[in-house]
Structure formats: structure tokens, C-alpha cells
Amino acid sequence: MTASFEGVAKLGFGAMRLPLTDPDDVTAIDIEQVKAMVDEFIAKGGTYVDTAFVYHNGHSEVALREALVDRYPREAYTLATKCLAWACESKEEAQACLPTSLERLGVDYIDYYLLHNLGGKRTAKFDEYDMWNYVAKAKADGLIRHVGFSMHDGPEELERILTAHPEVDFVQLQVNYLDWDDPVTQAARNMEVAAAHGVPVIIMEPVRGGRLANLPERGAEVLRAADAQASQASWAYRFCLDLPNVLTVLAGASTLEQMQDNMATFQAHTALTDADRAAIDGAIAALRAVDLIPCTNCGYCVKDCPEGVKIPETMSLLNLEKTTEDRDFVKGLYSWQTAEGPASKCIQCGTCEAMCPQSIGIIDNLAEAVEHYEN
């Protein structure tokens, strides 16, 4: 990790799910509670604050201006925000994200600017809109200090992007103990690819969107037996804090109490012991002790699929629902992770099942996914 990253605390503040005064309005941010959360974060040694152009329909950036930028000196924190270029209608719209973010945040520069959610067909939009050259110039002009990208894809795509763009300063990846050896997410392999390229990692989703802070009882009891005082979220953060080549771990918070717990974990952090690791392994085993689909993400099923259905991703999401017992959460993931090939596109031709080395009943599982996530 280079000297240019000095001053970034190992636990960051992810401002994707801020508290609301109206639960039905994502723009109705409870600014007074956010101020209290920011105060707790800064007071306990936090520095890295992460948002995005699209979070809370842009109101996350506005809220951070009021709660953080207007109340603390610029050297007290580092700001990260992101551009979702593939969701923009034109190059001009995509390249307007940076000046808009600067205005919303009320700052002269962004410390960490990310091209947001690369992978698959989305990556091509960043090329089409010349975003790589755009952010390079913005960096040269002093509007950006560090350029990186985020992605939820696998190691092959990460390898391709890092090889094509060795100039990037960092990468943001989905990493947590449940996804570590998942055959689709492949968090461990992604970390290896980043390390091989000498690119430090910002970890997102360390608590898997909050699911690892609200485990089914079969997993919760394992961690409780190991340490009755530790929160479930603290186990997830400690797992990530111990990983090498990590710049910071983004800890999301929707309440002051969550922020207090996050920062207590950060301040008290010690390396995981063998007993701690055994407890995490035991929790993973308990969570997976259900009838999971034996998909290994070999990819044979998709090679000749005439409709381009996202079969491994769908199998993984069905397994995630069984593991976490949270259909609504998985439904939200399904809406974008399979957007290019939803299960409902399946024409039941059977090509996938003929190719599957695990003899999975893919057609029936796809029908279940439609019932669970598309209706």
C-alpha cells in the first residue's frame, strides 16, 4: 500500500442506507441523526466516508455536505463518491456526474472517485462514454485524488479490467465471510487478483447488506456460544479487518446505535484467534446446513442458452435466500444482478440441464426464482 493512502482509517462509513424520517421516501433523510452518526464516526477515529451519485436519489451527497463537510475541516475526513455511467443516457450525462457531485458535497475535490458497478455489459458503457480518460484528466486537474472502480463480478472480469487499466489506484469489492468461498461471488479469488496487480481493496458489503447482522438462529447461536457479548455485525467486520491488502472496510449504518457498535468494534479490534475463526466457520456451516442447490458456477449451462439467462447468478441467489431466510433482501439483489437475463426468459429448452455436470434441475429452479423474485 503506497504512502498516498496514509490517513485512511481501516473502518469506513458507508452512506448508502442513511436513516429516514419517512420510511417510504428514500430522500427524506434524518439529517439530525446523520449528524450524530458523523460525530460518533469522527470522534472514534473514522476518516473515510463513502457515498455515490445515486444513493438516496442524490440526497446522500447533499446530506453529507450538511452533516460532515459544513461541520468539519477538510483535512478531518476523506470523501468517496461514484459515477454509475452505465445507467446514463449519454456521454454528456455520465461526465456531468462529477461536477454535480462536487456541487452537492460542497467540496473542491473528491479523494476517491469510483466508476461504479462495472462488470458484464455495464463495463462497455464506461468505454463508450470515454470515462477512463475523463477521470484521468479530472485527476490531473486536481478534481480527483484517487481513481478506482467498484464491481460485483467475478475474478475473470476483475483480471480483465485491471489488465486493461493498470492506472487505477484502488478497487472496491464485495467481501464478507459468507461470500468468501461462494462459487459465484468468489470473494477470495477477487482479493487474490487485486493483490497480484498490486491494487489495494476497499471492502463493501462486509455484513452482506445487513444480513450478517441479523442471522437465522442456527447461525446466531454458534457466534453467541463463542462470545455472548459480541454483536453479529462485529464478527463480520473483524473478518474483513484482518484481511491483507485492505485500504478500508465500509461499515454501513442506519442508526446511531449501529454506528456506535461499528466504532466500538473498530476501536477494540484485535486479530481473530483460531477459536474465533472456528466460530465463524461454524456459523457458515450452520447457515449452509439447508438443502442448497449444488451449483459450482462452472458456466457450462450458459454457453448455449439461447436466451442468455443468468443461471449461476440465479442459483446463487436462491441459495442466499435459503441461507439467510430473507426473500425480500434477495429479491432486491435479483432485480439488478439478473437484469440482463432474468429467469423468466427461460424457454425450457433443456440445453442447460443437458450440460450441467451436477445434474441440477435448472428449469424447475428458474421457475421458482420467477415465483419468488419476479411476481
Protein backbone atom coordinates (compact mmCIF):
# COMPACT_ATOMS: atom_id res chain seq x y z
CA MET A 1 0.00 0.00 0.00
CA THR A 2 1.52 3.30 -1.06
CA ALA A 3 2.14 6.36 1.07
CA SER A 4 -0.55 8.24 -0.87
CA PHE A 5 -3.18 6.28 1.08
CA GLU A 6 -1.94 7.35 4.50
CA GLY A 7 -4.53 8.77 6.87
CA VAL A 8 -7.36 6.42 5.90
CA ALA A 9 -8.74 4.57 8.93
CA LYS A 10 -9.37 0.85 8.46
CA LEU A 11 -13.13 1.14 9.09
CA GLY A 12 -15.10 3.49 6.85
CA PHE A 13 -18.64 4.89 6.84
CA GLY A 14 -20.88 3.73 4.02
CA ALA A 15 -23.67 6.25 3.44
CA MET A 16 -25.91 4.09 1.26
CA ARG A 17 -28.66 3.37 3.80
CA LEU A 18 -29.00 6.51 5.90
CA PRO A 19 -31.81 6.91 8.47
CA LEU A 20 -35.09 8.29 7.17
CA THR A 21 -37.85 10.38 8.70
CA ASP A 22 -40.28 8.71 6.29
CA PRO A 23 -39.56 5.02 5.53
CA ASP A 24 -41.41 5.30 2.22
CA ASP A 25 -39.32 8.21 0.93
CA VAL A 26 -35.60 7.48 0.34
CA THR A 27 -34.90 11.20 0.03
CA ALA A 28 -36.32 12.01 3.50
CA ILE A 29 -33.01 11.66 5.31
CA ASP A 30 -33.00 12.24 9.06
CA ILE A 31 -30.23 14.84 8.97
CA GLU A 32 -30.01 15.33 12.75
CA GLN A 33 -29.41 11.62 13.25
CA VAL A 34 -26.85 11.64 10.43
CA LYS A 35 -25.02 14.48 12.19
CA ALA A 36 -24.91 12.41 15.37
CA MET A 37 -23.61 9.42 13.42
CA VAL A 38 -20.93 11.52 11.73
CA ASP A 39 -19.89 12.96 15.11
CA GLU A 40 -19.53 9.46 16.54
CA PHE A 41 -17.59 8.29 13.49
CA ILE A 42 -15.11 11.17 13.54
CA ALA A 43 -14.72 11.17 17.32
CA LYS A 44 -13.82 7.48 17.35
CA GLY A 45 -11.15 7.76 14.67
CA GLY A 46 -13.07 7.30 11.43
CA THR A 47 -11.96 9.18 8.31
CA TYR A 48 -13.25 7.53 5.11
CA VAL A 49 -16.83 8.38 4.11
CA ASP A 50 -18.37 6.71 1.07
CA THR A 51 -21.39 7.76 -0.96
CA ALA A 52 -22.50 7.75 -4.62
CA PHE A 53 -24.25 9.94 -7.14
CA VAL A 54 -27.32 7.69 -6.99
CA TYR A 55 -27.57 6.92 -3.24
CA HIS A 56 -30.87 8.17 -1.85
CA ASN A 57 -31.50 9.65 -5.32
CA GLY A 58 -28.58 12.01 -4.82
CA HIS A 59 -29.65 13.12 -1.36
CA SER A 60 -26.90 11.11 0.37
CA GLU A 61 -24.33 13.52 -1.07
CA VAL A 62 -26.42 16.51 -0.02
CA ALA A 63 -26.84 15.10 3.49
CA LEU A 64 -23.11 14.57 3.85
CA ARG A 65 -22.48 18.17 2.92
CA GLU A 66 -24.70 19.31 5.77
CA ALA A 67 -23.64 16.70 8.32
CA LEU A 68 -19.93 16.44 7.51
CA VAL A 69 -18.48 18.97 5.06
CA ASP A 70 -20.09 22.06 6.57
CA ARG A 71 -19.14 20.99 10.12
CA TYR A 72 -15.60 19.63 9.91
CA PRO A 73 -12.32 20.86 8.40
CA ARG A 74 -11.49 19.26 5.05
CA GLU A 75 -8.42 17.51 6.43
CA ALA A 76 -10.54 15.65 9.02
CA TYR A 77 -12.03 13.22 6.51
CA THR A 78 -11.69 11.67 3.06
CA LEU A 79 -14.65 11.53 0.69
CA ALA A 80 -15.52 8.88 -1.85
CA THR A 81 -18.30 9.03 -4.39
CA LYS A 82 -19.19 7.17 -7.56
CA CYS A 83 -20.47 7.54 -11.12
CA LEU A 84 -22.98 4.99 -12.43
CA ALA A 85 -22.21 5.74 -16.08
CA TRP A 86 -23.94 2.66 -17.49
CA ALA A 87 -27.26 4.00 -16.20
CA CYS A 88 -26.77 7.30 -18.03
CA GLU A 89 -28.32 8.02 -21.41
CA SER A 90 -25.30 9.78 -22.90
CA LYS A 91 -21.62 10.58 -22.51
CA GLU A 92 -22.53 14.12 -21.52
CA GLU A 93 -24.82 12.89 -18.76
CA ALA A 94 -22.20 10.47 -17.44
CA GLN A 95 -19.46 13.09 -17.41
CA ALA A 96 -21.75 15.57 -15.66
CA CYS A 97 -21.86 13.33 -12.59
CA LEU A 98 -18.52 14.54 -11.20
CA PRO A 99 -19.26 18.29 -11.23
CA THR A 100 -22.72 17.58 -9.84
CA SER A 101 -21.24 15.50 -7.01
CA LEU A 102 -18.71 18.22 -6.22
CA GLU A 103 -21.53 20.77 -6.00
CA ARG A 104 -23.78 18.55 -3.89
CA LEU A 105 -20.96 17.72 -1.48
CA GLY A 106 -19.67 21.29 -1.40
CA VAL A 107 -16.02 20.35 -1.94
CA ASP A 108 -13.32 21.28 -4.45
CA TYR A 109 -12.10 17.72 -4.96
CA ILE A 110 -13.07 14.10 -4.35
CA ASP A 111 -10.49 11.99 -2.54
CA TYR A 112 -11.65 8.66 -4.02
CA TYR A 113 -13.71 8.65 -7.21
CA LEU A 114 -15.14 5.37 -8.44
CA LEU A 115 -16.54 4.21 -11.74
CA HIS A 116 -19.45 2.37 -10.23
CA ASN A 117 -20.56 -1.25 -10.62
CA LEU A 118 -18.53 -2.45 -13.59
CA GLY A 119 -18.99 -5.95 -14.98
CA GLY A 120 -20.59 -7.62 -17.97
CA LYS A 121 -22.24 -5.31 -20.49
CA ARG A 122 -22.08 -2.45 -17.97
CA THR A 123 -18.32 -2.14 -18.43
CA ALA A 124 -18.71 -1.32 -22.11
CA LYS A 125 -20.65 1.85 -21.28
CA PHE A 126 -17.67 3.29 -19.42
CA ASP A 127 -15.58 2.72 -22.54
CA GLU A 128 -18.26 4.12 -24.84
CA TYR A 129 -18.54 7.29 -22.74
CA ASP A 130 -14.73 7.67 -22.54
CA MET A 131 -14.94 7.68 -18.75
CA TRP A 132 -11.42 6.37 -18.19
CA ASN A 133 -9.84 9.31 -19.99
CA TYR A 134 -12.32 11.68 -18.38
CA VAL A 135 -11.41 10.68 -14.82
CA ALA A 136 -7.69 10.65 -15.69
CA LYS A 137 -7.93 14.27 -16.80
CA ALA A 138 -10.00 15.17 -13.74
CA LYS A 139 -7.28 13.64 -11.59
CA ALA A 140 -4.60 15.62 -13.43
CA ASP A 141 -6.69 18.76 -12.92
CA GLY A 142 -6.91 18.14 -9.17
CA LEU A 143 -10.63 17.39 -9.03
CA ILE A 144 -9.92 13.78 -8.02
CA ARG A 145 -7.11 12.46 -5.80
CA HIS A 146 -7.51 8.72 -6.44
CA VAL A 147 -9.35 6.87 -9.22
CA GLY A 148 -10.83 3.40 -8.83
CA PHE A 149 -13.84 1.28 -9.65
CA SER A 150 -16.34 -0.96 -7.92
CA MET A 151 -17.67 -4.28 -9.16
CA HIS A 152 -19.72 -7.26 -8.00
CA ASP A 153 -18.42 -9.57 -10.74
CA GLY A 154 -16.01 -12.49 -10.64
CA PRO A 155 -12.21 -12.78 -10.84
CA GLU A 156 -12.06 -13.20 -14.62
CA GLU A 157 -13.76 -9.84 -15.15
CA LEU A 158 -11.63 -8.21 -12.46
CA GLU A 159 -8.48 -9.54 -14.11
CA ARG A 160 -9.60 -8.21 -17.47
CA ILE A 161 -10.36 -4.71 -16.18
CA LEU A 162 -7.18 -4.39 -14.11
CA THR A 163 -5.10 -5.58 -17.05
CA ALA A 164 -6.78 -3.06 -19.36
CA HIS A 165 -6.48 -0.25 -16.80
CA PRO A 166 -3.28 -0.58 -14.76
CA GLU A 167 -3.56 3.12 -13.94
CA VAL A 168 -6.31 2.62 -11.35
CA ASP A 169 -5.33 3.35 -7.75
CA PHE A 170 -7.75 1.03 -5.95
CA VAL A 171 -10.74 -1.26 -6.41
CA GLN A 172 -13.89 -1.74 -4.34
CA LEU A 173 -15.07 -5.34 -3.96
CA GLN A 174 -17.85 -7.26 -2.23
CA VAL A 175 -16.18 -9.28 0.51
CA ASN A 176 -17.60 -11.00 3.58
CA TYR A 177 -17.27 -14.33 5.32
CA LEU A 178 -20.35 -15.80 3.63
CA ASP A 179 -19.20 -14.84 0.11
CA TRP A 180 -15.56 -15.74 0.72
CA ASP A 181 -15.72 -19.14 -0.97
CA ASP A 182 -19.05 -18.71 -2.75
CA PRO A 183 -18.71 -20.16 -6.28
CA VAL A 184 -20.41 -17.17 -7.91
CA THR A 185 -19.19 -14.21 -5.84
CA GLN A 186 -15.68 -15.69 -5.39
CA ALA A 187 -14.58 -13.01 -2.93
CA ALA A 188 -11.35 -14.80 -2.03
CA ARG A 189 -10.30 -15.13 -5.66
CA ASN A 190 -11.12 -11.47 -6.32
CA MET A 191 -8.88 -10.47 -3.42
CA GLU A 192 -6.08 -12.59 -4.88
CA VAL A 193 -6.44 -10.92 -8.29
CA ALA A 194 -6.29 -7.44 -6.78
CA ALA A 195 -3.22 -8.35 -4.74
CA ALA A 196 -1.50 -9.80 -7.79
CA HIS A 197 -1.95 -6.45 -9.55
CA GLY A 198 -0.74 -4.54 -6.51
CA VAL A 199 -4.07 -2.71 -6.18
CA PRO A 200 -5.44 -2.13 -2.66
CA VAL A 201 -9.04 -3.04 -1.91
CA ILE A 202 -11.89 -1.16 -0.32
CA ILE A 203 -14.32 -3.74 1.02
CA MET A 204 -18.04 -3.23 0.53
CA GLU A 205 -20.89 -5.41 1.81
CA PRO A 206 -18.87 -6.80 4.76
CA VAL A 207 -22.18 -7.53 6.51
CA ARG A 208 -23.89 -8.66 3.26
CA GLY A 209 -26.39 -5.81 3.20
CA GLY A 210 -27.13 -6.28 6.90
CA ARG A 211 -27.92 -9.98 6.64
CA LEU A 212 -24.86 -10.98 8.70
CA ALA A 213 -26.10 -8.69 11.48
CA ASN A 214 -29.45 -10.46 11.58
CA LEU A 215 -28.66 -14.15 11.17
CA PRO A 216 -31.13 -17.01 11.31
CA GLU A 217 -30.98 -18.60 14.76
CA ARG A 218 -28.99 -21.62 13.58
CA GLY A 219 -26.08 -19.30 12.72
CA ALA A 220 -26.59 -16.79 15.53
CA GLU A 221 -26.35 -19.43 18.25
CA VAL A 222 -22.90 -20.51 17.06
CA LEU A 223 -21.49 -16.99 17.36
CA ARG A 224 -23.33 -16.39 20.63
CA ALA A 225 -21.76 -19.52 22.13
CA ALA A 226 -18.31 -18.21 21.18
CA ASP A 227 -18.87 -14.71 22.61
CA ALA A 228 -22.20 -13.82 24.16
CA GLN A 229 -21.32 -10.11 24.26
CA ALA A 230 -20.21 -9.61 20.65
CA SER A 231 -22.73 -8.34 18.10
CA GLN A 232 -23.26 -10.38 14.96
CA ALA A 233 -22.07 -7.43 12.88
CA SER A 234 -18.79 -7.26 14.80
CA TRP A 235 -17.88 -10.79 13.69
CA ALA A 236 -18.38 -9.78 10.05
CA TYR A 237 -16.28 -6.62 10.38
CA ARG A 238 -13.49 -8.40 12.24
CA PHE A 239 -13.26 -11.00 9.48
CA CYS A 240 -12.69 -8.26 6.91
CA LEU A 241 -10.44 -6.08 9.06
CA ASP A 242 -7.96 -8.96 9.30
CA LEU A 243 -7.58 -9.40 5.55
CA PRO A 244 -4.37 -8.23 3.83
CA ASN A 245 -4.23 -5.53 1.13
CA VAL A 246 -7.30 -3.75 2.52
CA LEU A 247 -7.46 0.03 2.47
CA THR A 248 -10.70 0.29 4.44
CA VAL A 249 -13.83 -1.70 5.26
CA LEU A 250 -17.10 0.13 4.63
CA ALA A 251 -19.44 -0.13 7.59
CA GLY A 252 -22.94 0.91 6.72
CA ALA A 253 -25.16 2.36 9.42
CA SER A 254 -28.82 3.38 9.52
CA THR A 255 -28.94 4.36 13.19
CA LEU A 256 -26.69 5.97 15.75
CA GLU A 257 -26.69 2.71 17.71
CA GLN A 258 -25.32 0.84 14.71
CA MET A 259 -22.60 3.45 14.28
CA GLN A 260 -21.69 3.18 17.96
CA ASP A 261 -21.40 -0.59 17.65
CA ASN A 262 -19.33 -0.28 14.47
CA MET A 263 -16.88 2.13 16.04
CA ALA A 264 -16.63 0.09 19.24
CA THR A 265 -15.64 -2.89 17.09
CA PHE A 266 -13.08 -0.76 15.27
CA GLN A 267 -11.53 0.63 18.44
CA ALA A 268 -11.39 -2.72 20.25
CA HIS A 269 -10.28 -4.75 17.25
CA THR A 270 -7.72 -7.46 17.76
CA ALA A 271 -6.72 -10.15 15.30
CA LEU A 272 -9.03 -13.14 15.08
CA THR A 273 -7.84 -16.11 17.10
CA ASP A 274 -8.04 -19.71 15.93
CA ALA A 275 -11.10 -20.08 18.14
CA ASP A 276 -12.69 -17.01 16.56
CA ARG A 277 -12.10 -18.37 13.08
CA ALA A 278 -13.57 -21.70 14.12
CA ALA A 279 -16.68 -19.89 15.34
CA ILE A 280 -17.08 -18.09 12.01
CA ASP A 281 -16.57 -21.36 10.14
CA GLY A 282 -19.16 -22.96 12.39
CA ALA A 283 -21.65 -20.19 11.69
CA ILE A 284 -21.09 -20.56 7.93
CA ALA A 285 -21.63 -24.31 8.17
CA ALA A 286 -24.82 -23.78 10.15
CA LEU A 287 -26.14 -21.22 7.67
CA ARG A 288 -25.46 -23.59 4.80
CA ALA A 289 -26.93 -26.61 6.59
CA VAL A 290 -30.00 -26.45 4.38
CA ASP A 291 -30.83 -28.06 1.07
CA LEU A 292 -28.72 -25.83 -1.19
CA ILE A 293 -28.54 -26.07 -4.97
CA PRO A 294 -25.14 -27.72 -5.72
CA CYS A 295 -24.14 -25.14 -8.35
CA THR A 296 -20.36 -24.70 -8.72
CA ASN A 297 -20.52 -21.84 -11.27
CA CYS A 298 -18.75 -23.94 -13.89
CA GLY A 299 -20.62 -21.98 -16.57
CA TYR A 300 -21.47 -24.93 -18.80
CA CYS A 301 -25.19 -24.18 -18.51
CA VAL A 302 -24.90 -20.71 -20.03
CA LYS A 303 -22.68 -21.48 -23.01
CA ASP A 304 -25.55 -22.47 -25.30
CA CYS A 305 -28.50 -20.87 -23.52
CA PRO A 306 -30.44 -19.25 -26.39
CA GLU A 307 -31.93 -16.58 -24.10
CA GLY A 308 -28.83 -15.62 -22.11
CA VAL A 309 -30.42 -16.45 -18.77
CA LYS A 310 -28.20 -15.65 -15.78
CA ILE A 311 -28.35 -19.19 -14.48
CA PRO A 312 -25.43 -19.36 -12.00
CA GLU A 313 -26.38 -15.98 -10.55
CA THR A 314 -29.97 -17.14 -10.10
CA MET A 315 -28.88 -20.38 -8.43
CA SER A 316 -26.65 -18.39 -6.08
CA LEU A 317 -29.50 -16.04 -5.15
CA LEU A 318 -31.85 -18.94 -4.45
CA ASN A 319 -29.16 -20.35 -2.16
CA LEU A 320 -28.73 -16.96 -0.49
CA GLU A 321 -32.44 -16.88 0.28
CA LYS A 322 -32.24 -20.33 1.87
CA THR A 323 -29.15 -19.35 3.82
CA THR A 324 -30.39 -16.02 5.17
CA GLU A 325 -34.14 -16.70 5.20
CA ASP A 326 -34.72 -13.22 3.78
CA ARG A 327 -36.60 -13.27 0.47
CA ASP A 328 -37.21 -9.53 0.27
CA PHE A 329 -33.48 -8.82 0.54
CA VAL A 330 -32.63 -11.34 -2.18
CA LYS A 331 -35.41 -10.03 -4.39
CA GLY A 332 -33.74 -6.63 -4.34
CA LEU A 333 -30.44 -8.16 -5.43
CA TYR A 334 -32.13 -10.21 -8.13
CA SER A 335 -33.66 -7.11 -9.70
CA TRP A 336 -30.24 -5.89 -10.88
CA GLN A 337 -27.94 -8.92 -10.76
CA THR A 338 -30.04 -10.77 -13.35
CA ALA A 339 -31.40 -7.78 -15.26
CA GLU A 340 -29.64 -8.87 -18.47
CA GLY A 341 -31.04 -12.41 -18.25
CA PRO A 342 -33.88 -12.93 -15.77
CA ALA A 343 -35.23 -16.41 -15.08
CA SER A 344 -38.49 -15.57 -16.86
CA LYS A 345 -36.62 -15.59 -20.20
CA CYS A 346 -36.18 -19.37 -19.88
CA ILE A 347 -37.95 -21.23 -22.73
CA GLN A 348 -37.41 -24.64 -21.07
CA CYS A 349 -35.37 -26.00 -23.96
CA GLY A 350 -33.30 -28.17 -21.60
CA THR A 351 -29.91 -27.25 -23.05
CA CYS A 352 -28.66 -26.12 -19.63
CA GLU A 353 -29.70 -29.32 -17.88
CA ALA A 354 -28.06 -31.47 -20.53
CA MET A 355 -24.77 -29.65 -19.91
CA CYS A 356 -24.89 -29.49 -16.09
CA PRO A 357 -22.29 -31.81 -14.50
CA GLN A 358 -24.18 -31.61 -11.19
CA SER A 359 -27.47 -32.81 -12.77
CA ILE A 360 -29.30 -29.83 -11.29
CA GLY A 361 -32.97 -29.39 -12.13
CA ILE A 362 -32.28 -25.94 -13.52
CA ILE A 363 -35.62 -25.41 -15.23
CA ASP A 364 -37.56 -26.02 -12.01
CA ASN A 365 -35.20 -23.77 -10.06
CA LEU A 366 -35.62 -20.99 -12.60
CA ALA A 367 -39.38 -21.31 -12.28
CA GLU A 368 -39.00 -21.00 -8.51
CA ALA A 369 -36.92 -17.85 -8.98
CA VAL A 370 -39.65 -16.31 -11.14
CA GLU A 371 -42.20 -17.07 -8.42
CA HIS A 372 -40.01 -15.70 -5.64
CA TYR A 373 -38.49 -12.63 -7.27
CA GLU A 374 -40.50 -11.56 -10.33
CA ASN A 375 -44.05 -11.73 -9.06
